[in-house]
Amino acid sequence: MPLSAYLIMSAVLFTIGVIGVLIRRNPLIIFMSIELMLNAVNLSFVALSHFLDSADGQMFVFLVLTVAAAEVVVGLALIVSIYRTRHNIDVDEMNIMRG
């Protein structure tokens, strides 16, 4: 497959992730959309590193996956904490700064 096919697929996946972040109000779905966006970027890194005969993009993917795993752990801990105190995880009704 040509490089443009991989980059178009990556752009489509990234766009689906952005739409999911903008439209959905459930924090779990928002995290899934963010992960989809990160995986779209990873796909473009791997495709570019393959076509440029360099391993730099593949090494950067491991860094992105590590940061994404830490993001999911912290995000899910925050969601559980908010649910325990407010019994609701709707993004529109969350206002942590309010007392």
PDB file of N, CA and C in Angstrom:
ATOM      1  N   MET A   1       0.844  -1.189   0.000  1.00  0.00           N
ATOM      2  CA  MET A   1       0.000   0.000   0.000  1.00  0.00           C
ATOM      3  C   MET A   1       0.883   1.244   0.000  1.00  0.00           C
ATOM      4  N   PRO A   2       0.457   2.279  -0.668  1.00  0.00           N
ATOM      5  CA  PRO A   2       1.247   3.511  -0.686  1.00  0.00           C
ATOM      6  C   PRO A   2       1.131   4.263   0.641  1.00  0.00           C
ATOM      7  N   LEU A   3       2.069   5.152   0.849  1.00  0.00           N
ATOM      8  CA  LEU A   3       2.097   5.944   2.081  1.00  0.00           C
ATOM      9  C   LEU A   3       0.844   6.786   2.233  1.00  0.00           C
ATOM     10  N   SER A   4       0.333   7.297   1.136  1.00  0.00           N
ATOM     11  CA  SER A   4      -0.855   8.157   1.210  1.00  0.00           C
ATOM     12  C   SER A   4      -2.061   7.407   1.772  1.00  0.00           C
ATOM     13  N   ALA A   5      -2.173   6.119   1.506  1.00  0.00           N
ATOM     14  CA  ALA A   5      -3.296   5.338   2.045  1.00  0.00           C
ATOM     15  C   ALA A   5      -3.218   5.262   3.565  1.00  0.00           C
ATOM     16  N   TYR A   6      -2.020   5.056   4.092  1.00  0.00           N
ATOM     17  CA  TYR A   6      -1.854   5.018   5.544  1.00  0.00           C
ATOM     18  C   TYR A   6      -2.149   6.379   6.172  1.00  0.00           C
ATOM     19  N   LEU A   7      -1.684   7.434   5.534  1.00  0.00           N
ATOM     20  CA  LEU A   7      -1.910   8.767   6.089  1.00  0.00           C
ATOM     21  C   LEU A   7      -3.379   9.168   6.010  1.00  0.00           C
ATOM     22  N   ILE A   8      -4.067   8.768   4.952  1.00  0.00           N
ATOM     23  CA  ILE A   8      -5.506   9.051   4.853  1.00  0.00           C
ATOM     24  C   ILE A   8      -6.260   8.281   5.923  1.00  0.00           C
ATOM     25  N   MET A   9      -5.903   7.020   6.127  1.00  0.00           N
ATOM     26  CA  MET A   9      -6.547   6.226   7.179  1.00  0.00           C
ATOM     27  C   MET A   9      -6.290   6.834   8.550  1.00  0.00           C
ATOM     28  N   SER A  10      -5.083   7.307   8.767  1.00  0.00           N
ATOM     29  CA  SER A  10      -4.750   7.960  10.027  1.00  0.00           C
ATOM     30  C   SER A  10      -5.562   9.236  10.214  1.00  0.00           C
ATOM     31  N   ALA A  11      -5.722  10.011   9.159  1.00  0.00           N
ATOM     32  CA  ALA A  11      -6.512  11.240   9.243  1.00  0.00           C
ATOM     33  C   ALA A  11      -7.982  10.943   9.513  1.00  0.00           C
ATOM     34  N   VAL A  12      -8.504   9.887   8.905  1.00  0.00           N
ATOM     35  CA  VAL A  12      -9.906   9.506   9.140  1.00  0.00           C
ATOM     36  C   VAL A  12     -10.105   9.086  10.595  1.00  0.00           C
ATOM     37  N   LEU A  13      -9.198   8.260  11.110  1.00  0.00           N
ATOM     38  CA  LEU A  13      -9.298   7.835  12.509  1.00  0.00           C
ATOM     39  C   LEU A  13      -9.180   9.020  13.462  1.00  0.00           C
ATOM     40  N   PHE A  14      -8.270   9.940  13.160  1.00  0.00           N
ATOM     41  CA  PHE A  14      -8.103  11.121  14.004  1.00  0.00           C
ATOM     42  C   PHE A  14      -9.365  11.978  13.982  1.00  0.00           C
ATOM     43  N   THR A  15      -9.970  12.133  12.821  1.00  0.00           N
ATOM     44  CA  THR A  15     -11.202  12.917  12.706  1.00  0.00           C
ATOM     45  C   THR A  15     -12.343  12.270  13.479  1.00  0.00           C
ATOM     46  N   ILE A  16     -12.451  10.953  13.421  1.00  0.00           N
ATOM     47  CA  ILE A  16     -13.481  10.259  14.197  1.00  0.00           C
ATOM     48  C   ILE A  16     -13.258  10.498  15.689  1.00  0.00           C
ATOM     49  N   GLY A  17     -12.007  10.475  16.125  1.00  0.00           N
ATOM     50  CA  GLY A  17     -11.698  10.748  17.525  1.00  0.00           C
ATOM     51  C   GLY A  17     -12.056  12.163  17.934  1.00  0.00           C
ATOM     52  N   VAL A  18     -11.751  13.135  17.088  1.00  0.00           N
ATOM     53  CA  VAL A  18     -12.094  14.532  17.393  1.00  0.00           C
ATOM     54  C   VAL A  18     -13.603  14.707  17.482  1.00  0.00           C
ATOM     55  N   ILE A  19     -14.330  14.102  16.563  1.00  0.00           N
ATOM     56  CA  ILE A  19     -15.793  14.190  16.601  1.00  0.00           C
ATOM     57  C   ILE A  19     -16.325  13.556  17.881  1.00  0.00           C
ATOM     58  N   GLY A  20     -15.746  12.439  18.294  1.00  0.00           N
ATOM     59  CA  GLY A  20     -16.164  11.795  19.532  1.00  0.00           C
ATOM     60  C   GLY A  20     -15.921  12.664  20.750  1.00  0.00           C
ATOM     61  N   VAL A  21     -14.794  13.371  20.777  1.00  0.00           N
ATOM     62  CA  VAL A  21     -14.502  14.266  21.904  1.00  0.00           C
ATOM     63  C   VAL A  21     -15.469  15.441  21.921  1.00  0.00           C
ATOM     64  N   LEU A  22     -15.791  15.975  20.756  1.00  0.00           N
ATOM     65  CA  LEU A  22     -16.644  17.162  20.702  1.00  0.00           C
ATOM     66  C   LEU A  22     -18.116  16.858  20.929  1.00  0.00           C
ATOM     67  N   ILE A  23     -18.576  15.688  20.530  1.00  0.00           N
ATOM     68  CA  ILE A  23     -20.011  15.392  20.587  1.00  0.00           C
ATOM     69  C   ILE A  23     -20.414  14.704  21.883  1.00  0.00           C
ATOM     70  N   ARG A  24     -19.636  13.759  22.352  1.00  0.00           N
ATOM     71  CA  ARG A  24     -20.038  12.943  23.502  1.00  0.00           C
ATOM     72  C   ARG A  24     -19.848  13.689  24.815  1.00  0.00           C
ATOM     73  N   ARG A  25     -20.658  13.334  25.804  1.00  0.00           N
ATOM     74  CA  ARG A  25     -20.594  13.948  27.123  1.00  0.00           C
ATOM     75  C   ARG A  25     -20.169  12.971  28.205  1.00  0.00           C
ATOM     76  N   ASN A  26     -20.020  11.707  27.868  1.00  0.00           N
ATOM     77  CA  ASN A  26     -19.590  10.706  28.832  1.00  0.00           C
ATOM     78  C   ASN A  26     -18.059  10.695  28.869  1.00  0.00           C
ATOM     79  N   PRO A  27     -17.456  10.862  30.052  1.00  0.00           N
ATOM     80  CA  PRO A  27     -15.988  10.912  30.111  1.00  0.00           C
ATOM     81  C   PRO A  27     -15.305   9.634  29.628  1.00  0.00           C
ATOM     82  N   LEU A  28     -15.934   8.488  29.814  1.00  0.00           N
ATOM     83  CA  LEU A  28     -15.325   7.249  29.331  1.00  0.00           C
ATOM     84  C   LEU A  28     -15.248   7.232  27.805  1.00  0.00           C
ATOM     85  N   ILE A  29     -16.301   7.692  27.155  1.00  0.00           N
ATOM     86  CA  ILE A  29     -16.297   7.765  25.688  1.00  0.00           C
ATOM     87  C   ILE A  29     -15.293   8.817  25.218  1.00  0.00           C
ATOM     88  N   ILE A  30     -15.169   9.901  25.963  1.00  0.00           N
ATOM     89  CA  ILE A  30     -14.188  10.933  25.614  1.00  0.00           C
ATOM     90  C   ILE A  30     -12.774  10.364  25.702  1.00  0.00           C
ATOM     91  N   PHE A  31     -12.484   9.585  26.759  1.00  0.00           N
ATOM     92  CA  PHE A  31     -11.166   8.953  26.863  1.00  0.00           C
ATOM     93  C   PHE A  31     -10.927   7.970  25.722  1.00  0.00           C
ATOM     94  N   MET A  32     -11.944   7.222  25.351  1.00  0.00           N
ATOM     95  CA  MET A  32     -11.796   6.298  24.226  1.00  0.00           C
ATOM     96  C   MET A  32     -11.521   7.063  22.930  1.00  0.00           C
ATOM     97  N   SER A  33     -12.161   8.209  22.765  1.00  0.00           N
ATOM     98  CA  SER A  33     -11.932   9.017  21.564  1.00  0.00           C
ATOM     99  C   SER A  33     -10.520   9.584  21.556  1.00  0.00           C
ATOM    100  N   ILE A  34     -10.028   9.992  22.718  1.00  0.00           N
ATOM    101  CA  ILE A  34      -8.655  10.494  22.805  1.00  0.00           C
ATOM    102  C   ILE A  34      -7.666   9.379  22.478  1.00  0.00           C
ATOM    103  N   GLU A  35      -7.936   8.178  22.964  1.00  0.00           N
ATOM    104  CA  GLU A  35      -7.078   7.040  22.641  1.00  0.00           C
ATOM    105  C   GLU A  35      -7.103   6.736  21.143  1.00  0.00           C
ATOM    106  N   LEU A  36      -8.262   6.876  20.520  1.00  0.00           N
ATOM    107  CA  LEU A  36      -8.353   6.680  19.075  1.00  0.00           C
ATOM    108  C   LEU A  36      -7.503   7.715  18.341  1.00  0.00           C
ATOM    109  N   MET A  37      -7.524   8.951  18.818  1.00  0.00           N
ATOM    110  CA  MET A  37      -6.700   9.991  18.209  1.00  0.00           C
ATOM    111  C   MET A  37      -5.211   9.667  18.367  1.00  0.00           C
ATOM    112  N   LEU A  38      -4.816   9.211  19.555  1.00  0.00           N
ATOM    113  CA  LEU A  38      -3.411   8.857  19.768  1.00  0.00           C
ATOM    114  C   LEU A  38      -2.991   7.684  18.886  1.00  0.00           C
ATOM    115  N   ASN A  39      -3.876   6.710  18.722  1.00  0.00           N
ATOM    116  CA  ASN A  39      -3.545   5.578  17.854  1.00  0.00           C
ATOM    117  C   ASN A  39      -3.478   5.983  16.388  1.00  0.00           C
ATOM    118  N   ALA A  40      -4.257   6.974  15.993  1.00  0.00           N
ATOM    119  CA  ALA A  40      -4.157   7.488  14.625  1.00  0.00           C
ATOM    120  C   ALA A  40      -2.793   8.134  14.400  1.00  0.00           C
ATOM    121  N   VAL A  41      -2.332   8.874  15.385  1.00  0.00           N
ATOM    122  CA  VAL A  41      -1.001   9.479  15.283  1.00  0.00           C
ATOM    123  C   VAL A  41       0.069   8.388  15.255  1.00  0.00           C
ATOM    124  N   ASN A  42      -0.116   7.352  16.077  1.00  0.00           N
ATOM    125  CA  ASN A  42       0.838   6.236  16.072  1.00  0.00           C
ATOM    126  C   ASN A  42       0.888   5.555  14.710  1.00  0.00           C
ATOM    127  N   LEU A  43      -0.258   5.397  14.074  1.00  0.00           N
ATOM    128  CA  LEU A  43      -0.293   4.793  12.743  1.00  0.00           C
ATOM    129  C   LEU A  43       0.513   5.619  11.746  1.00  0.00           C
ATOM    130  N   SER A  44       0.374   6.926  11.815  1.00  0.00           N
ATOM    131  CA  SER A  44       1.138   7.768  10.885  1.00  0.00           C
ATOM    132  C   SER A  44       2.634   7.717  11.198  1.00  0.00           C
ATOM    133  N   PHE A  45       3.000   7.649  12.494  1.00  0.00           N
ATOM    134  CA  PHE A  45       4.417   7.516  12.846  1.00  0.00           C
ATOM    135  C   PHE A  45       5.009   6.222  12.294  1.00  0.00           C
ATOM    136  N   VAL A  46       4.295   5.122  12.472  1.00  0.00           N
ATOM    137  CA  VAL A  46       4.800   3.831  12.001  1.00  0.00           C
ATOM    138  C   VAL A  46       4.880   3.808  10.477  1.00  0.00           C
ATOM    139  N   ALA A  47       3.877   4.354   9.815  1.00  0.00           N
ATOM    140  CA  ALA A  47       3.894   4.374   8.350  1.00  0.00           C
ATOM    141  C   ALA A  47       5.053   5.221   7.829  1.00  0.00           C
ATOM    142  N   LEU A  48       5.239   6.383   8.413  1.00  0.00           N
ATOM    143  CA  LEU A  48       6.340   7.240   7.962  1.00  0.00           C
ATOM    144  C   LEU A  48       7.698   6.613   8.255  1.00  0.00           C
ATOM    145  N   SER A  49       7.838   5.990   9.418  1.00  0.00           N
ATOM    146  CA  SER A  49       9.129   5.369   9.723  1.00  0.00           C
ATOM    147  C   SER A  49       9.401   4.179   8.800  1.00  0.00           C
ATOM    148  N   HIS A  50       8.349   3.472   8.394  1.00  0.00           N
ATOM    149  CA  HIS A  50       8.537   2.355   7.459  1.00  0.00           C
ATOM    150  C   HIS A  50       8.977   2.859   6.085  1.00  0.00           C
ATOM    151  N   PHE A  51       8.336   3.905   5.611  1.00  0.00           N
ATOM    152  CA  PHE A  51       8.650   4.393   4.268  1.00  0.00           C
ATOM    153  C   PHE A  51       9.939   5.207   4.227  1.00  0.00           C
ATOM    154  N   LEU A  52      10.379   5.716   5.366  1.00  0.00           N
ATOM    155  CA  LEU A  52      11.640   6.452   5.410  1.00  0.00           C
ATOM    156  C   LEU A  52      12.803   5.578   5.875  1.00  0.00           C
ATOM    157  N   ASP A  53      12.537   4.299   6.122  1.00  0.00           N
ATOM    158  CA  ASP A  53      13.558   3.349   6.587  1.00  0.00           C
ATOM    159  C   ASP A  53      14.275   3.847   7.838  1.00  0.00           C
ATOM    160  N   SER A  54      13.489   4.275   8.795  1.00  0.00           N
ATOM    161  CA  SER A  54      14.021   4.760  10.062  1.00  0.00           C
ATOM    162  C   SER A  54      13.207   4.153  11.199  1.00  0.00           C
ATOM    163  N   ALA A  55      13.862   3.894  12.302  1.00  0.00           N
ATOM    164  CA  ALA A  55      13.170   3.316  13.460  1.00  0.00           C
ATOM    165  C   ALA A  55      12.725   4.381  14.455  1.00  0.00           C
ATOM    166  N   ASP A  56      12.969   5.644  14.145  1.00  0.00           N
ATOM    167  CA  ASP A  56      12.624   6.712  15.082  1.00  0.00           C
ATOM    168  C   ASP A  56      11.125   6.786  15.337  1.00  0.00           C
ATOM    169  N   GLY A  57      10.331   6.648  14.315  1.00  0.00           N
ATOM    170  CA  GLY A  57       8.879   6.708  14.483  1.00  0.00           C
ATOM    171  C   GLY A  57       8.352   5.569  15.325  1.00  0.00           C
ATOM    172  N   GLN A  58       8.924   4.393  15.158  1.00  0.00           N
ATOM    173  CA  GLN A  58       8.488   3.238  15.936  1.00  0.00           C
ATOM    174  C   GLN A  58       8.883   3.377  17.398  1.00  0.00           C
ATOM    175  N   MET A  59      10.031   3.970  17.665  1.00  0.00           N
ATOM    176  CA  MET A  59      10.425   4.209  19.053  1.00  0.00           C
ATOM    177  C   MET A  59       9.528   5.259  19.692  1.00  0.00           C
ATOM    178  N   PHE A  60       9.138   6.249  18.920  1.00  0.00           N
ATOM    179  CA  PHE A  60       8.265   7.285  19.451  1.00  0.00           C
ATOM    180  C   PHE A  60       6.883   6.724  19.774  1.00  0.00           C
ATOM    181  N   VAL A  61       6.451   5.714  19.040  1.00  0.00           N
ATOM    182  CA  VAL A  61       5.165   5.068  19.313  1.00  0.00           C
ATOM    183  C   VAL A  61       5.177   4.445  20.700  1.00  0.00           C
ATOM    184  N   PHE A  62       6.278   3.820  21.093  1.00  0.00           N
ATOM    185  CA  PHE A  62       6.355   3.239  22.435  1.00  0.00           C
ATOM    186  C   PHE A  62       6.256   4.315  23.508  1.00  0.00           C
ATOM    187  N   LEU A  63       6.854   5.469  23.268  1.00  0.00           N
ATOM    188  CA  LEU A  63       6.738   6.583  24.209  1.00  0.00           C
ATOM    189  C   LEU A  63       5.293   7.060  24.300  1.00  0.00           C
ATOM    190  N   VAL A  64       4.628   7.199  23.171  1.00  0.00           N
ATOM    191  CA  VAL A  64       3.233   7.649  23.158  1.00  0.00           C
ATOM    192  C   VAL A  64       2.336   6.635  23.855  1.00  0.00           C
ATOM    193  N   LEU A  65       2.564   5.342  23.633  1.00  0.00           N
ATOM    194  CA  LEU A  65       1.760   4.311  24.293  1.00  0.00           C
ATOM    195  C   LEU A  65       1.957   4.333  25.804  1.00  0.00           C
ATOM    196  N   THR A  66       3.174   4.592  26.258  1.00  0.00           N
ATOM    197  CA  THR A  66       3.439   4.671  27.695  1.00  0.00           C
ATOM    198  C   THR A  66       2.720   5.856  28.314  1.00  0.00           C
ATOM    199  N   VAL A  67       2.792   6.999  27.675  1.00  0.00           N
ATOM    200  CA  VAL A  67       2.103   8.188  28.183  1.00  0.00           C
ATOM    201  C   VAL A  67       0.593   7.988  28.137  1.00  0.00           C
ATOM    202  N   ALA A  68       0.091   7.338  27.110  1.00  0.00           N
ATOM    203  CA  ALA A  68      -1.349   7.084  27.003  1.00  0.00           C
ATOM    204  C   ALA A  68      -1.825   6.153  28.108  1.00  0.00           C
ATOM    205  N   ALA A  69      -1.018   5.161  28.457  1.00  0.00           N
ATOM    206  CA  ALA A  69      -1.399   4.256  29.548  1.00  0.00           C
ATOM    207  C   ALA A  69      -1.462   5.008  30.871  1.00  0.00           C
ATOM    208  N   ALA A  70      -0.505   5.890  31.110  1.00  0.00           N
ATOM    209  CA  ALA A  70      -0.536   6.694  32.334  1.00  0.00           C
ATOM    210  C   ALA A  70      -1.739   7.634  32.334  1.00  0.00           C
ATOM    211  N   GLU A  71      -2.063   8.178  31.183  1.00  0.00           N
ATOM    212  CA  GLU A  71      -3.231   9.064  31.067  1.00  0.00           C
ATOM    213  C   GLU A  71      -4.519   8.323  31.403  1.00  0.00           C
ATOM    214  N   VAL A  72      -4.648   7.111  30.927  1.00  0.00           N
ATOM    215  CA  VAL A  72      -5.855   6.323  31.198  1.00  0.00           C
ATOM    216  C   VAL A  72      -5.968   6.009  32.683  1.00  0.00           C
ATOM    217  N   VAL A  73      -4.864   5.666  33.315  1.00  0.00           N
ATOM    218  CA  VAL A  73      -4.897   5.348  34.746  1.00  0.00           C
ATOM    219  C   VAL A  73      -5.332   6.558  35.552  1.00  0.00           C
ATOM    220  N   VAL A  74      -4.750   7.709  35.283  1.00  0.00           N
ATOM    221  CA  VAL A  74      -5.110   8.923  36.022  1.00  0.00           C
ATOM    222  C   VAL A  74      -6.539   9.342  35.699  1.00  0.00           C
ATOM    223  N   GLY A  75      -6.917   9.277  34.446  1.00  0.00           N
ATOM    224  CA  GLY A  75      -8.271   9.676  34.052  1.00  0.00           C
ATOM    225  C   GLY A  75      -9.341   8.801  34.675  1.00  0.00           C
ATOM    226  N   LEU A  76      -9.133   7.490  34.664  1.00  0.00           N
ATOM    227  CA  LEU A  76     -10.117   6.595  35.271  1.00  0.00           C
ATOM    228  C   LEU A  76     -10.180   6.780  36.780  1.00  0.00           C
ATOM    229  N   ALA A  77      -9.048   7.055  37.418  1.00  0.00           N
ATOM    230  CA  ALA A  77      -9.063   7.330  38.859  1.00  0.00           C
ATOM    231  C   ALA A  77      -9.863   8.594  39.157  1.00  0.00           C
ATOM    232  N   LEU A  78      -9.715   9.612  38.328  1.00  0.00           N
ATOM    233  CA  LEU A  78     -10.500  10.842  38.514  1.00  0.00           C
ATOM    234  C   LEU A  78     -11.987  10.590  38.304  1.00  0.00           C
ATOM    235  N   ILE A  79     -12.329   9.815  37.304  1.00  0.00           N
ATOM    236  CA  ILE A  79     -13.743   9.519  37.040  1.00  0.00           C
ATOM    237  C   ILE A  79     -14.359   8.757  38.210  1.00  0.00           C
ATOM    238  N   VAL A  80     -13.642   7.768  38.738  1.00  0.00           N
ATOM    239  CA  VAL A  80     -14.157   7.008  39.880  1.00  0.00           C
ATOM    240  C   VAL A  80     -14.313   7.909  41.093  1.00  0.00           C
ATOM    241  N   SER A  81     -13.352   8.787  41.329  1.00  0.00           N
ATOM    242  CA  SER A  81     -13.434   9.709  42.462  1.00  0.00           C
ATOM    243  C   SER A  81     -14.614  10.669  42.322  1.00  0.00           C
ATOM    244  N   ILE A  82     -14.819  11.195  41.140  1.00  0.00           N
ATOM    245  CA  ILE A  82     -15.944  12.110  40.914  1.00  0.00           C
ATOM    246  C   ILE A  82     -17.265  11.371  41.051  1.00  0.00           C
ATOM    247  N   TYR A  83     -17.328  10.142  40.561  1.00  0.00           N
ATOM    248  CA  TYR A  83     -18.574   9.376  40.677  1.00  0.00           C
ATOM    249  C   TYR A  83     -18.895   9.071  42.137  1.00  0.00           C
ATOM    250  N   ARG A  84     -17.878   8.790  42.936  1.00  0.00           N
ATOM    251  CA  ARG A  84     -18.117   8.492  44.356  1.00  0.00           C
ATOM    252  C   ARG A  84     -18.632   9.708  45.115  1.00  0.00           C
ATOM    253  N   THR A  85     -18.193  10.897  44.740  1.00  0.00           N
ATOM    254  CA  THR A  85     -18.633  12.092  45.470  1.00  0.00           C
ATOM    255  C   THR A  85     -19.922  12.677  44.912  1.00  0.00           C
ATOM    256  N   ARG A  86     -20.129  12.615  43.622  1.00  0.00           N
ATOM    257  CA  ARG A  86     -21.287  13.276  43.003  1.00  0.00           C
ATOM    258  C   ARG A  86     -22.338  12.321  42.458  1.00  0.00           C
ATOM    259  N   HIS A  87     -22.034  11.040  42.335  1.00  0.00           N
ATOM    260  CA  HIS A  87     -22.939  10.019  41.788  1.00  0.00           C
ATOM    261  C   HIS A  87     -23.410  10.359  40.380  1.00  0.00           C
ATOM    262  N   ASN A  88     -22.563  11.062  39.637  1.00  0.00           N
ATOM    263  CA  ASN A  88     -22.865  11.426  38.263  1.00  0.00           C
ATOM    264  C   ASN A  88     -21.541  11.715  37.565  1.00  0.00           C
ATOM    265  N   ILE A  89     -21.393  11.258  36.328  1.00  0.00           N
ATOM    266  CA  ILE A  89     -20.150  11.529  35.604  1.00  0.00           C
ATOM    267  C   ILE A  89     -20.409  12.285  34.307  1.00  0.00           C
ATOM    268  N   ASP A  90     -21.547  12.948  34.204  1.00  0.00           N
ATOM    269  CA  ASP A  90     -21.849  13.723  33.001  1.00  0.00           C
ATOM    270  C   ASP A  90     -20.935  14.942  32.951  1.00  0.00           C
ATOM    271  N   VAL A  91     -20.286  15.158  31.828  1.00  0.00           N
ATOM    272  CA  VAL A  91     -19.314  16.237  31.696  1.00  0.00           C
ATOM    273  C   VAL A  91     -19.981  17.605  31.828  1.00  0.00           C
ATOM    274  N   ASP A  92     -21.204  17.738  31.334  1.00  0.00           N
ATOM    275  CA  ASP A  92     -21.886  19.029  31.404  1.00  0.00           C
ATOM    276  C   ASP A  92     -22.217  19.436  32.834  1.00  0.00           C
ATOM    277  N   GLU A  93     -22.397  18.467  33.717  1.00  0.00           N
ATOM    278  CA  GLU A  93     -22.770  18.777  35.090  1.00  0.00           C
ATOM    279  C   GLU A  93     -21.581  18.811  36.042  1.00  0.00           C
ATOM    280  N   MET A  94     -20.389  18.567  35.545  1.00  0.00           N
ATOM    281  CA  MET A  94     -19.193  18.605  36.394  1.00  0.00           C
ATOM    282  C   MET A  94     -18.689  20.030  36.502  1.00  0.00           C
ATOM    283  N   ASN A  95     -18.538  20.480  37.713  1.00  0.00           N
ATOM    284  CA  ASN A  95     -17.891  21.754  37.991  1.00  0.00           C
ATOM    285  C   ASN A  95     -17.164  21.579  39.310  1.00  0.00           C
ATOM    286  N   ILE A  96     -15.942  21.129  39.248  1.00  0.00           N
ATOM    287  CA  ILE A  96     -15.174  20.801  40.439  1.00  0.00           C
ATOM    288  C   ILE A  96     -14.816  22.056  41.227  1.00  0.00           C
ATOM    289  N   MET A  97     -14.680  23.178  40.560  1.00  0.00           N
ATOM    290  CA  MET A  97     -14.291  24.410  41.252  1.00  0.00           C
ATOM    291  C   MET A  97     -15.409  24.939  42.144  1.00  0.00           C
ATOM    292  N   ARG A  98     -16.633  24.549  41.852  1.00  0.00           N
ATOM    293  CA  ARG A  98     -17.754  24.982  42.672  1.00  0.00           C
ATOM    294  C   ARG A  98     -17.751  24.163  43.952  1.00  0.00           C
ATOM    295  N   GLY A  99     -18.062  24.801  45.087  1.00  0.00           N
ATOM    296  CA  GLY A  99     -18.008  24.145  46.394  1.00  0.00           C
ATOM    297  C   GLY A  99     -19.027  23.163  46.705  1.00  0.00           C
TER     298      GLY A  99
END
